[in-house]
PDB file of all heavy atoms in Angstrom:
ATOM      1  N   SER A   1       0.823  -1.219   0.000  1.00  0.00           N
ATOM      2  CA  SER A   1       0.000   0.000   0.000  1.00  0.00           C
ATOM      3  C   SER A   1       0.852   1.262   0.000  1.00  0.00           C
ATOM      4  O   SER A   1       0.374   2.336  -0.343  1.00  0.00           O
ATOM      5  CB  SER A   1      -0.966   0.002   1.184  1.00  0.00           C
ATOM      6  OG  SER A   1      -0.261   0.013   2.403  1.00  0.00           O
ATOM      7  N   SER A   2       2.133   1.133   0.353  1.00  0.00           N
ATOM      8  CA  SER A   2       3.006   2.310   0.334  1.00  0.00           C
ATOM      9  C   SER A   2       3.708   2.483  -1.012  1.00  0.00           C
ATOM     10  O   SER A   2       4.338   3.507  -1.249  1.00  0.00           O
ATOM     11  CB  SER A   2       4.056   2.211   1.448  1.00  0.00           C
ATOM     12  OG  SER A   2       4.915   1.120   1.215  1.00  0.00           O
ATOM     13  N   GLU A   3       3.585   1.485  -1.894  1.00  0.00           N
ATOM     14  CA  GLU A   3       4.204   1.588  -3.218  1.00  0.00           C
ATOM     15  C   GLU A   3       3.479   2.631  -4.050  1.00  0.00           C
ATOM     16  O   GLU A   3       2.253   2.654  -4.085  1.00  0.00           O
ATOM     17  CB  GLU A   3       4.130   0.245  -3.950  1.00  0.00           C
ATOM     18  CG  GLU A   3       4.969  -0.841  -3.367  1.00  0.00           C
ATOM     19  CD  GLU A   3       4.765  -2.164  -4.101  1.00  0.00           C
ATOM     20  OE1 GLU A   3       3.969  -2.223  -5.056  1.00  0.00           O
ATOM     21  OE2 GLU A   3       5.405  -3.143  -3.691  1.00  0.00           O
ATOM     22  N   PRO A   4       4.235   3.480  -4.732  1.00  0.00           N
ATOM     23  CA  PRO A   4       3.576   4.415  -5.646  1.00  0.00           C
ATOM     24  C   PRO A   4       3.093   3.633  -6.866  1.00  0.00           C
ATOM     25  O   PRO A   4       3.684   2.637  -7.253  1.00  0.00           O
ATOM     26  CB  PRO A   4       4.694   5.392  -6.019  1.00  0.00           C
ATOM     27  CG  PRO A   4       5.952   4.621  -5.807  1.00  0.00           C
ATOM     28  CD  PRO A   4       5.675   3.649  -4.712  1.00  0.00           C
ATOM     29  N   GLY A   5       2.010   4.058  -7.432  1.00  0.00           N
ATOM     30  CA  GLY A   5       1.525   3.361  -8.627  1.00  0.00           C
ATOM     31  C   GLY A   5       0.036   3.144  -8.587  1.00  0.00           C
ATOM     32  O   GLY A   5      -0.679   3.716  -7.764  1.00  0.00           O
ATOM     33  N   ALA A   6      -0.391   2.287  -9.460  1.00  0.00           N
ATOM     34  CA  ALA A   6      -1.825   2.057  -9.646  1.00  0.00           C
ATOM     35  C   ALA A   6      -2.438   1.282  -8.483  1.00  0.00           C
ATOM     36  O   ALA A   6      -1.831   0.380  -7.932  1.00  0.00           O
ATOM     37  CB  ALA A   6      -2.051   1.289 -10.942  1.00  0.00           C
ATOM     38  N   VAL A   7      -3.624   1.662  -8.154  1.00  0.00           N
ATOM     39  CA  VAL A   7      -4.387   0.981  -7.119  1.00  0.00           C
ATOM     40  C   VAL A   7      -4.730  -0.427  -7.597  1.00  0.00           C
ATOM     41  O   VAL A   7      -4.769  -1.375  -6.809  1.00  0.00           O
ATOM     42  CB  VAL A   7      -5.675   1.773  -6.792  1.00  0.00           C
ATOM     43  CG1 VAL A   7      -6.561   1.021  -5.825  1.00  0.00           C
ATOM     44  CG2 VAL A   7      -5.332   3.139  -6.266  1.00  0.00           C
ATOM     45  N   GLU A   8      -4.925  -0.562  -8.884  1.00  0.00           N
ATOM     46  CA  GLU A   8      -5.290  -1.854  -9.465  1.00  0.00           C
ATOM     47  C   GLU A   8      -4.251  -2.925  -9.141  1.00  0.00           C
ATOM     48  O   GLU A   8      -4.585  -4.075  -8.862  1.00  0.00           O
ATOM     49  CB  GLU A   8      -5.450  -1.715 -10.984  1.00  0.00           C
ATOM     50  CG  GLU A   8      -6.164  -2.851 -11.629  1.00  0.00           C
ATOM     51  CD  GLU A   8      -7.624  -2.961 -11.202  1.00  0.00           C
ATOM     52  OE1 GLU A   8      -8.262  -1.934 -10.925  1.00  0.00           O
ATOM     53  OE2 GLU A   8      -8.101  -4.105 -11.123  1.00  0.00           O
ATOM     54  N   SER A   9      -2.983  -2.551  -9.151  1.00  0.00           N
ATOM     55  CA  SER A   9      -1.908  -3.490  -8.829  1.00  0.00           C
ATOM     56  C   SER A   9      -2.030  -3.988  -7.390  1.00  0.00           C
ATOM     57  O   SER A   9      -1.865  -5.186  -7.122  1.00  0.00           O
ATOM     58  CB  SER A   9      -0.552  -2.807  -9.031  1.00  0.00           C
ATOM     59  OG  SER A   9       0.480  -3.606  -8.551  1.00  0.00           O
ATOM     60  N   CYS A  10      -2.338  -3.110  -6.473  1.00  0.00           N
ATOM     61  CA  CYS A  10      -2.517  -3.502  -5.067  1.00  0.00           C
ATOM     62  C   CYS A  10      -3.704  -4.442  -4.921  1.00  0.00           C
ATOM     63  O   CYS A  10      -3.637  -5.430  -4.190  1.00  0.00           O
ATOM     64  CB  CYS A  10      -2.717  -2.277  -4.189  1.00  0.00           C
ATOM     65  SG  CYS A  10      -1.257  -1.240  -4.032  1.00  0.00           S
ATOM     66  N   TYR A  11      -4.788  -4.149  -5.622  1.00  0.00           N
ATOM     67  CA  TYR A  11      -5.963  -5.007  -5.568  1.00  0.00           C
ATOM     68  C   TYR A  11      -5.623  -6.411  -6.055  1.00  0.00           C
ATOM     69  O   TYR A  11      -6.023  -7.401  -5.450  1.00  0.00           O
ATOM     70  CB  TYR A  11      -7.096  -4.434  -6.422  1.00  0.00           C
ATOM     71  CG  TYR A  11      -7.992  -3.501  -5.668  1.00  0.00           C
ATOM     72  CD1 TYR A  11      -7.641  -2.170  -5.486  1.00  0.00           C
ATOM     73  CD2 TYR A  11      -9.185  -3.935  -5.128  1.00  0.00           C
ATOM     74  CE1 TYR A  11      -8.463  -1.306  -4.786  1.00  0.00           C
ATOM     75  CE2 TYR A  11     -10.017  -3.083  -4.428  1.00  0.00           C
ATOM     76  CZ  TYR A  11      -9.647  -1.775  -4.267  1.00  0.00           C
ATOM     77  OH  TYR A  11     -10.461  -0.932  -3.573  1.00  0.00           O
ATOM     78  N   ARG A  12      -4.896  -6.506  -7.176  1.00  0.00           N
ATOM     79  CA  ARG A  12      -4.535  -7.815  -7.717  1.00  0.00           C
ATOM     80  C   ARG A  12      -3.673  -8.600  -6.742  1.00  0.00           C
ATOM     81  O   ARG A  12      -3.859  -9.799  -6.554  1.00  0.00           O
ATOM     82  CB  ARG A  12      -3.813  -7.649  -9.049  1.00  0.00           C
ATOM     83  CG  ARG A  12      -4.765  -7.362 -10.202  1.00  0.00           C
ATOM     84  CD  ARG A  12      -4.095  -7.563 -11.549  1.00  0.00           C
ATOM     85  NE  ARG A  12      -2.848  -6.841 -11.678  1.00  0.00           N
ATOM     86  CZ  ARG A  12      -2.715  -5.622 -12.168  1.00  0.00           C
ATOM     87  NH1 ARG A  12      -3.790  -4.961 -12.564  1.00  0.00           N
ATOM     88  NH2 ARG A  12      -1.537  -5.044 -12.268  1.00  0.00           N
ATOM     89  N   LYS A  13      -2.729  -7.938  -6.099  1.00  0.00           N
ATOM     90  CA  LYS A  13      -1.848  -8.621  -5.150  1.00  0.00           C
ATOM     91  C   LYS A  13      -2.632  -9.154  -3.945  1.00  0.00           C
ATOM     92  O   LYS A  13      -2.412 -10.281  -3.506  1.00  0.00           O
ATOM     93  CB  LYS A  13      -0.737  -7.682  -4.687  1.00  0.00           C
ATOM     94  CG  LYS A  13       0.255  -7.375  -5.789  1.00  0.00           C
ATOM     95  CD  LYS A  13       1.265  -6.337  -5.362  1.00  0.00           C
ATOM     96  CE  LYS A  13       2.201  -5.984  -6.505  1.00  0.00           C
ATOM     97  NZ  LYS A  13       3.124  -4.911  -6.137  1.00  0.00           N
ATOM     98  N   LEU A  14      -3.540  -8.355  -3.424  1.00  0.00           N
ATOM     99  CA  LEU A  14      -4.344  -8.803  -2.286  1.00  0.00           C
ATOM    100  C   LEU A  14      -5.302  -9.924  -2.690  1.00  0.00           C
ATOM    101  O   LEU A  14      -5.550 -10.857  -1.918  1.00  0.00           O
ATOM    102  CB  LEU A  14      -5.117  -7.642  -1.674  1.00  0.00           C
ATOM    103  CG  LEU A  14      -4.272  -6.551  -1.017  1.00  0.00           C
ATOM    104  CD1 LEU A  14      -5.161  -5.477  -0.409  1.00  0.00           C
ATOM    105  CD2 LEU A  14      -3.335  -7.121   0.021  1.00  0.00           C
ATOM    106  N   THR A  15      -5.810  -9.849  -3.919  1.00  0.00           N
ATOM    107  CA  THR A  15      -6.681 -10.908  -4.423  1.00  0.00           C
ATOM    108  C   THR A  15      -5.937 -12.229  -4.508  1.00  0.00           C
ATOM    109  O   THR A  15      -6.488 -13.286  -4.176  1.00  0.00           O
ATOM    110  CB  THR A  15      -7.245 -10.526  -5.807  1.00  0.00           C
ATOM    111  OG1 THR A  15      -8.023  -9.341  -5.668  1.00  0.00           O
ATOM    112  CG2 THR A  15      -8.105 -11.635  -6.392  1.00  0.00           C
ATOM    113  N   GLU A  16      -4.683 -12.184  -4.911  1.00  0.00           N
ATOM    114  CA  GLU A  16      -3.899 -13.422  -5.004  1.00  0.00           C
ATOM    115  C   GLU A  16      -3.597 -14.002  -3.636  1.00  0.00           C
ATOM    116  O   GLU A  16      -3.569 -15.222  -3.471  1.00  0.00           O
ATOM    117  CB  GLU A  16      -2.615 -13.188  -5.799  1.00  0.00           C
ATOM    118  CG  GLU A  16      -2.858 -12.912  -7.270  1.00  0.00           C
ATOM    119  CD  GLU A  16      -3.770 -13.933  -7.936  1.00  0.00           C
ATOM    120  OE1 GLU A  16      -3.597 -15.153  -7.698  1.00  0.00           O
ATOM    121  OE2 GLU A  16      -4.668 -13.524  -8.682  1.00  0.00           O
ATOM    122  N   VAL A  17      -3.408 -13.168  -2.639  1.00  0.00           N
ATOM    123  CA  VAL A  17      -3.213 -13.680  -1.276  1.00  0.00           C
ATOM    124  C   VAL A  17      -4.495 -14.373  -0.818  1.00  0.00           C
ATOM    125  O   VAL A  17      -4.457 -15.462  -0.233  1.00  0.00           O
ATOM    126  CB  VAL A  17      -2.821 -12.554  -0.293  1.00  0.00           C
ATOM    127  CG1 VAL A  17      -2.867 -13.041   1.148  1.00  0.00           C
ATOM    128  CG2 VAL A  17      -1.444 -12.007  -0.634  1.00  0.00           C
ATOM    129  N   ARG A  18      -5.642 -13.775  -1.114  1.00  0.00           N
ATOM    130  CA  ARG A  18      -6.920 -14.382  -0.728  1.00  0.00           C
ATOM    131  C   ARG A  18      -7.138 -15.700  -1.487  1.00  0.00           C
ATOM    132  O   ARG A  18      -7.668 -16.656  -0.933  1.00  0.00           O
ATOM    133  CB  ARG A  18      -8.067 -13.419  -0.993  1.00  0.00           C
ATOM    134  CG  ARG A  18      -8.038 -12.204  -0.080  1.00  0.00           C
ATOM    135  CD  ARG A  18      -9.189 -11.265  -0.410  1.00  0.00           C
ATOM    136  NE  ARG A  18      -8.987  -9.939   0.085  1.00  0.00           N
ATOM    137  CZ  ARG A  18      -9.293  -9.533   1.307  1.00  0.00           C
ATOM    138  NH1 ARG A  18      -9.795 -10.366   2.175  1.00  0.00           N
ATOM    139  NH2 ARG A  18      -9.080  -8.280   1.670  1.00  0.00           N
ATOM    140  N   ARG A  19      -6.718 -15.751  -2.747  1.00  0.00           N
ATOM    141  CA  ARG A  19      -6.845 -16.980  -3.530  1.00  0.00           C
ATOM    142  C   ARG A  19      -5.971 -18.089  -2.926  1.00  0.00           C
ATOM    143  O   ARG A  19      -6.387 -19.235  -2.819  1.00  0.00           O
ATOM    144  CB  ARG A  19      -6.448 -16.726  -4.979  1.00  0.00           C
ATOM    145  CG  ARG A  19      -6.735 -17.894  -5.900  1.00  0.00           C
ATOM    146  CD  ARG A  19      -6.243 -17.643  -7.326  1.00  0.00           C
ATOM    147  NE  ARG A  19      -6.381 -16.290  -7.772  1.00  0.00           N
ATOM    148  CZ  ARG A  19      -7.388 -15.826  -8.519  1.00  0.00           C
ATOM    149  NH1 ARG A  19      -8.354 -16.638  -8.877  1.00  0.00           N
ATOM    150  NH2 ARG A  19      -7.414 -14.564  -8.910  1.00  0.00           N
ATOM    151  N   LEU A  20      -4.758 -17.726  -2.535  1.00  0.00           N
ATOM    152  CA  LEU A  20      -3.860 -18.684  -1.890  1.00  0.00           C
ATOM    153  C   LEU A  20      -4.483 -19.208  -0.607  1.00  0.00           C
ATOM    154  O   LEU A  20      -4.417 -20.400  -0.314  1.00  0.00           O
ATOM    155  CB  LEU A  20      -2.505 -18.026  -1.604  1.00  0.00           C
ATOM    156  CG  LEU A  20      -1.460 -18.896  -0.932  1.00  0.00           C
ATOM    157  CD1 LEU A  20      -1.058 -20.042  -1.845  1.00  0.00           C
ATOM    158  CD2 LEU A  20      -0.235 -18.066  -0.569  1.00  0.00           C
ATOM    159  N   TRP A  21      -5.128 -18.320   0.152  1.00  0.00           N
ATOM    160  CA  TRP A  21      -5.792 -18.742   1.380  1.00  0.00           C
ATOM    161  C   TRP A  21      -6.951 -19.691   1.054  1.00  0.00           C
ATOM    162  O   TRP A  21      -7.168 -20.688   1.752  1.00  0.00           O
ATOM    163  CB  TRP A  21      -6.300 -17.528   2.155  1.00  0.00           C
ATOM    164  CG  TRP A  21      -7.089 -17.921   3.350  1.00  0.00           C
ATOM    165  CD1 TRP A  21      -6.613 -18.331   4.562  1.00  0.00           C
ATOM    166  CD2 TRP A  21      -8.514 -17.988   3.459  1.00  0.00           C
ATOM    167  NE1 TRP A  21      -7.643 -18.633   5.408  1.00  0.00           N
ATOM    168  CE2 TRP A  21      -8.829 -18.430   4.756  1.00  0.00           C
ATOM    169  CE3 TRP A  21      -9.551 -17.700   2.571  1.00  0.00           C
ATOM    170  CZ2 TRP A  21     -10.129 -18.601   5.182  1.00  0.00           C
ATOM    171  CZ3 TRP A  21     -10.854 -17.876   3.006  1.00  0.00           C
ATOM    172  CH2 TRP A  21     -11.124 -18.327   4.301  1.00  0.00           C
ATOM    173  N   ALA A  22      -7.708 -19.397  -0.012  1.00  0.00           N
ATOM    174  CA  ALA A  22      -8.863 -20.221  -0.369  1.00  0.00           C
ATOM    175  C   ALA A  22      -8.458 -21.655  -0.712  1.00  0.00           C
ATOM    176  O   ALA A  22      -9.213 -22.588  -0.463  1.00  0.00           O
ATOM    177  CB  ALA A  22      -9.613 -19.592  -1.540  1.00  0.00           C
ATOM    178  N   PHE A  23      -7.256 -21.828  -1.261  1.00  0.00           N
ATOM    179  CA  PHE A  23      -6.778 -23.155  -1.644  1.00  0.00           C
ATOM    180  C   PHE A  23      -5.807 -23.736  -0.619  1.00  0.00           C
ATOM    181  O   PHE A  23      -5.032 -24.636  -0.928  1.00  0.00           O
ATOM    182  CB  PHE A  23      -6.120 -23.106  -3.026  1.00  0.00           C
ATOM    183  CG  PHE A  23      -7.107 -22.906  -4.139  1.00  0.00           C
ATOM    184  CD1 PHE A  23      -7.225 -21.668  -4.749  1.00  0.00           C
ATOM    185  CD2 PHE A  23      -7.931 -23.936  -4.553  1.00  0.00           C
ATOM    186  CE1 PHE A  23      -8.137 -21.470  -5.775  1.00  0.00           C
ATOM    187  CE2 PHE A  23      -8.847 -23.749  -5.571  1.00  0.00           C
ATOM    188  CZ  PHE A  23      -8.958 -22.518  -6.189  1.00  0.00           C
ATOM    189  N   ARG A  24      -5.868 -23.228   0.585  1.00  0.00           N
ATOM    190  CA  ARG A  24      -4.912 -23.644   1.618  1.00  0.00           C
ATOM    191  C   ARG A  24      -4.981 -25.130   1.928  1.00  0.00           C
ATOM    192  O   ARG A  24      -3.986 -25.748   2.238  1.00  0.00           O
ATOM    193  CB  ARG A  24      -5.103 -22.823   2.890  1.00  0.00           C
ATOM    194  CG  ARG A  24      -6.411 -23.054   3.604  1.00  0.00           C
ATOM    195  CD  ARG A  24      -6.568 -22.190   4.833  1.00  0.00           C
ATOM    196  NE  ARG A  24      -5.612 -22.501   5.874  1.00  0.00           N
ATOM    197  CZ  ARG A  24      -5.715 -23.551   6.687  1.00  0.00           C
ATOM    198  NH1 ARG A  24      -6.717 -24.385   6.550  1.00  0.00           N
ATOM    199  NH2 ARG A  24      -4.816 -23.772   7.603  1.00  0.00           N
ATOM    200  N   SER A  25      -6.129 -25.738   1.807  1.00  0.00           N
ATOM    201  CA  SER A  25      -6.257 -27.157   2.138  1.00  0.00           C
ATOM    202  C   SER A  25      -5.507 -28.055   1.162  1.00  0.00           C
ATOM    203  O   SER A  25      -5.210 -29.201   1.476  1.00  0.00           O
ATOM    204  CB  SER A  25      -7.731 -27.561   2.182  1.00  0.00           C
ATOM    205  OG  SER A  25      -8.318 -27.375   0.910  1.00  0.00           O
ATOM    206  N   VAL A  26      -5.179 -27.540  -0.016  1.00  0.00           N
ATOM    207  CA  VAL A  26      -4.460 -28.320  -1.020  1.00  0.00           C
ATOM    208  C   VAL A  26      -2.951 -28.315  -0.737  1.00  0.00           C
ATOM    209  O   VAL A  26      -2.241 -29.228  -1.145  1.00  0.00           O
ATOM    210  CB  VAL A  26      -4.732 -27.745  -2.430  1.00  0.00           C
ATOM    211  CG1 VAL A  26      -4.011 -28.530  -3.499  1.00  0.00           C
ATOM    212  CG2 VAL A  26      -6.225 -27.719  -2.703  1.00  0.00           C
ATOM    213  N   LEU A  27      -2.490 -27.304  -0.025  1.00  0.00           N
ATOM    214  CA  LEU A  27      -1.060 -27.157   0.245  1.00  0.00           C
ATOM    215  C   LEU A  27      -0.616 -28.032   1.415  1.00  0.00           C
ATOM    216  O   LEU A  27      -1.426 -28.378   2.275  1.00  0.00           O
ATOM    217  CB  LEU A  27      -0.749 -25.691   0.569  1.00  0.00           C
ATOM    218  CG  LEU A  27      -1.030 -24.681  -0.542  1.00  0.00           C
ATOM    219  CD1 LEU A  27      -0.887 -23.276   0.006  1.00  0.00           C
ATOM    220  CD2 LEU A  27      -0.103 -24.905  -1.709  1.00  0.00           C
ATOM    221  N   PRO A  28       0.673 -28.350   1.461  1.00  0.00           N
ATOM    222  CA  PRO A  28       1.189 -29.057   2.633  1.00  0.00           C
ATOM    223  C   PRO A  28       0.995 -28.201   3.890  1.00  0.00           C
ATOM    224  O   PRO A  28       0.996 -26.973   3.823  1.00  0.00           O
ATOM    225  CB  PRO A  28       2.677 -29.231   2.325  1.00  0.00           C
ATOM    226  CG  PRO A  28       2.828 -28.982   0.871  1.00  0.00           C
ATOM    227  CD  PRO A  28       1.695 -28.116   0.448  1.00  0.00           C
ATOM    228  N   ALA A  29       0.858 -28.844   5.029  1.00  0.00           N
ATOM    229  CA  ALA A  29       0.570 -28.141   6.286  1.00  0.00           C
ATOM    230  C   ALA A  29       1.596 -27.056   6.592  1.00  0.00           C
ATOM    231  O   ALA A  29       1.249 -25.994   7.113  1.00  0.00           O
ATOM    232  CB  ALA A  29       0.507 -29.137   7.434  1.00  0.00           C
ATOM    233  N   SER A  30       2.846 -27.268   6.254  1.00  0.00           N
ATOM    234  CA  SER A  30       3.888 -26.283   6.563  1.00  0.00           C
ATOM    235  C   SER A  30       3.780 -25.016   5.712  1.00  0.00           C
ATOM    236  O   SER A  30       4.351 -23.986   6.053  1.00  0.00           O
ATOM    237  CB  SER A  30       5.272 -26.903   6.375  1.00  0.00           C
ATOM    238  OG  SER A  30       5.450 -27.275   5.003  1.00  0.00           O
ATOM    239  N   MET A  31       3.033 -25.082   4.604  1.00  0.00           N
ATOM    240  CA  MET A  31       2.920 -23.934   3.695  1.00  0.00           C
ATOM    241  C   MET A  31       1.565 -23.233   3.775  1.00  0.00           C
ATOM    242  O   MET A  31       1.337 -22.257   3.070  1.00  0.00           O
ATOM    243  CB  MET A  31       3.164 -24.401   2.255  1.00  0.00           C
ATOM    244  CG  MET A  31       4.536 -24.989   2.033  1.00  0.00           C
ATOM    245  SD  MET A  31       4.742 -25.631   0.368  1.00  0.00           S
ATOM    246  CE  MET A  31       4.687 -24.134  -0.587  1.00  0.00           C
ATOM    247  N   ARG A  32       0.685 -23.725   4.618  1.00  0.00           N
ATOM    248  CA  ARG A  32      -0.672 -23.173   4.675  1.00  0.00           C
ATOM    249  C   ARG A  32      -0.730 -21.842   5.416  1.00  0.00           C
ATOM    250  O   ARG A  32      -0.018 -21.635   6.384  1.00  0.00           O
ATOM    251  CB  ARG A  32      -1.600 -24.149   5.388  1.00  0.00           C
ATOM    252  CG  ARG A  32      -1.866 -25.386   4.601  1.00  0.00           C
ATOM    253  CD  ARG A  32      -2.791 -26.300   5.345  1.00  0.00           C
ATOM    254  NE  ARG A  32      -2.921 -27.543   4.597  1.00  0.00           N
ATOM    255  CZ  ARG A  32      -3.405 -28.644   5.096  1.00  0.00           C
ATOM    256  NH1 ARG A  32      -3.814 -28.670   6.358  1.00  0.00           N
ATOM    257  NH2 ARG A  32      -3.497 -29.719   4.368  1.00  0.00           N
ATOM    258  N   LEU A  33      -1.643 -20.997   4.960  1.00  0.00           N
ATOM    259  CA  LEU A  33      -1.970 -19.780   5.699  1.00  0.00           C
ATOM    260  C   LEU A  33      -2.859 -20.180   6.874  1.00  0.00           C
ATOM    261  O   LEU A  33      -3.471 -21.250   6.861  1.00  0.00           O
ATOM    262  CB  LEU A  33      -2.701 -18.792   4.792  1.00  0.00           C
ATOM    263  CG  LEU A  33      -1.842 -18.112   3.718  1.00  0.00           C
ATOM    264  CD1 LEU A  33      -2.728 -17.320   2.770  1.00  0.00           C
ATOM    265  CD2 LEU A  33      -0.801 -17.214   4.326  1.00  0.00           C
ATOM    266  N   PRO A  34      -2.980 -19.330   7.892  1.00  0.00           N
ATOM    267  CA  PRO A  34      -3.844 -19.647   9.039  1.00  0.00           C
ATOM    268  C   PRO A  34      -5.292 -19.883   8.602  1.00  0.00           C
ATOM    269  O   PRO A  34      -5.704 -19.453   7.521  1.00  0.00           O
ATOM    270  CB  PRO A  34      -3.741 -18.407   9.916  1.00  0.00           C
ATOM    271  CG  PRO A  34      -2.509 -17.718   9.487  1.00  0.00           C
ATOM    272  CD  PRO A  34      -2.295 -18.060   8.052  1.00  0.00           C
ATOM    273  N   GLU A  35      -6.066 -20.528   9.462  1.00  0.00           N
ATOM    274  CA  GLU A  35      -7.456 -20.838   9.124  1.00  0.00           C
ATOM    275  C   GLU A  35      -8.325 -19.597   8.995  1.00  0.00           C
ATOM    276  O   GLU A  35      -9.260 -19.572   8.208  1.00  0.00           O
ATOM    277  CB  GLU A  35      -8.053 -21.781  10.168  1.00  0.00           C
ATOM    278  CG  GLU A  35      -7.528 -23.181  10.046  1.00  0.00           C
ATOM    279  CD  GLU A  35      -8.298 -24.153  10.923  1.00  0.00           C
ATOM    280  OE1 GLU A  35      -9.516 -23.960  11.096  1.00  0.00           O
ATOM    281  OE2 GLU A  35      -7.659 -25.087  11.413  1.00  0.00           O
ATOM    282  N   ALA A  36      -8.032 -18.570   9.768  1.00  0.00           N
ATOM    283  CA  ALA A  36      -8.807 -17.325   9.685  1.00  0.00           C
ATOM    284  C   ALA A  36      -8.524 -16.636   8.357  1.00  0.00           C
ATOM    285  O   ALA A  36      -7.392 -16.666   7.870  1.00  0.00           O
ATOM    286  CB  ALA A  36      -8.439 -16.397  10.840  1.00  0.00           C
ATOM    287  N   PRO A  37      -9.543 -16.016   7.748  1.00  0.00           N
ATOM    288  CA  PRO A  37      -9.304 -15.324   6.470  1.00  0.00           C
ATOM    289  C   PRO A  37      -8.267 -14.216   6.631  1.00  0.00           C
ATOM    290  O   PRO A  37      -8.164 -13.609   7.701  1.00  0.00           O
ATOM    291  CB  PRO A  37     -10.668 -14.728   6.119  1.00  0.00           C
ATOM    292  CG  PRO A  37     -11.634 -15.308   7.052  1.00  0.00           C
ATOM    293  CD  PRO A  37     -10.908 -15.906   8.198  1.00  0.00           C
ATOM    294  N   PRO A  38      -7.510 -13.952   5.573  1.00  0.00           N
ATOM    295  CA  PRO A  38      -6.520 -12.865   5.652  1.00  0.00           C
ATOM    296  C   PRO A  38      -7.193 -11.540   6.024  1.00  0.00           C
ATOM    297  O   PRO A  38      -8.263 -11.220   5.518  1.00  0.00           O
ATOM    298  CB  PRO A  38      -5.946 -12.803   4.236  1.00  0.00           C
ATOM    299  CG  PRO A  38      -6.239 -14.125   3.627  1.00  0.00           C
ATOM    300  CD  PRO A  38      -7.496 -14.610   4.278  1.00  0.00           C
ATOM    301  N   TRP A  39      -6.563 -10.818   6.894  1.00  0.00           N
ATOM    302  CA  TRP A  39      -7.019  -9.508   7.346  1.00  0.00           C
ATOM    303  C   TRP A  39      -8.448  -9.574   7.880  1.00  0.00           C
ATOM    304  O   TRP A  39      -9.257  -8.671   7.661  1.00  0.00           O
ATOM    305  CB  TRP A  39      -6.880  -8.469   6.232  1.00  0.00           C
ATOM    306  CG  TRP A  39      -5.494  -8.390   5.729  1.00  0.00           C
ATOM    307  CD1 TRP A  39      -4.414  -7.855   6.375  1.00  0.00           C
ATOM    308  CD2 TRP A  39      -4.992  -8.895   4.488  1.00  0.00           C
ATOM    309  NE1 TRP A  39      -3.284  -8.001   5.612  1.00  0.00           N
ATOM    310  CE2 TRP A  39      -3.611  -8.637   4.448  1.00  0.00           C
ATOM    311  CE3 TRP A  39      -5.577  -9.554   3.411  1.00  0.00           C
ATOM    312  CZ2 TRP A  39      -2.809  -9.011   3.382  1.00  0.00           C
ATOM    313  CZ3 TRP A  39      -4.780  -9.924   2.359  1.00  0.00           C
ATOM    314  CH2 TRP A  39      -3.421  -9.648   2.339  1.00  0.00           C
ATOM    315  N   GLU A  40      -8.771 -10.684   8.533  1.00  0.00           N
ATOM    316  CA  GLU A  40     -10.074 -10.909   9.174  1.00  0.00           C
ATOM    317  C   GLU A  40     -11.239 -10.765   8.202  1.00  0.00           C
ATOM    318  O   GLU A  40     -12.343 -10.397   8.581  1.00  0.00           O
ATOM    319  CB  GLU A  40     -10.232  -9.985  10.373  1.00  0.00           C
ATOM    320  CG  GLU A  40      -9.180 -10.236  11.440  1.00  0.00           C
ATOM    321  CD  GLU A  40      -9.263  -9.252  12.592  1.00  0.00           C
ATOM    322  OE1 GLU A  40     -10.212  -8.450  12.635  1.00  0.00           O
ATOM    323  OE2 GLU A  40      -8.366  -9.310  13.444  1.00  0.00           O
ATOM    324  N   GLY A  41     -10.993 -11.022   6.907  1.00  0.00           N
ATOM    325  CA  GLY A  41     -12.035 -10.956   5.893  1.00  0.00           C
ATOM    326  C   GLY A  41     -12.437  -9.555   5.488  1.00  0.00           C
ATOM    327  O   GLY A  41     -13.429  -9.368   4.785  1.00  0.00           O
ATOM    328  N   GLU A  42     -11.675  -8.569   5.928  1.00  0.00           N
ATOM    329  CA  GLU A  42     -12.005  -7.176   5.625  1.00  0.00           C
ATOM    330  C   GLU A  42     -11.920  -6.912   4.123  1.00  0.00           C
ATOM    331  O   GLU A  42     -11.087  -7.472   3.419  1.00  0.00           O
ATOM    332  CB  GLU A  42     -11.051  -6.243   6.382  1.00  0.00           C
ATOM    333  CG  GLU A  42     -11.531  -4.822   6.435  1.00  0.00           C
ATOM    334  CD  GLU A  42     -10.711  -3.975   7.391  1.00  0.00           C
ATOM    335  OE1 GLU A  42      -9.985  -4.525   8.231  1.00  0.00           O
ATOM    336  OE2 GLU A  42     -10.807  -2.754   7.273  1.00  0.00           O
TER     337      GLU A  42
END
């Protein structure tokens, strides 16, 4: 969020983190994100 540039780029990056969280059950346990949604689902 502190990077200068397009807001669209920040949205895409956060969307990919959420996508990674959504597929967490497919990943090995050591690579999974926590069970709670990123940023408390905000």
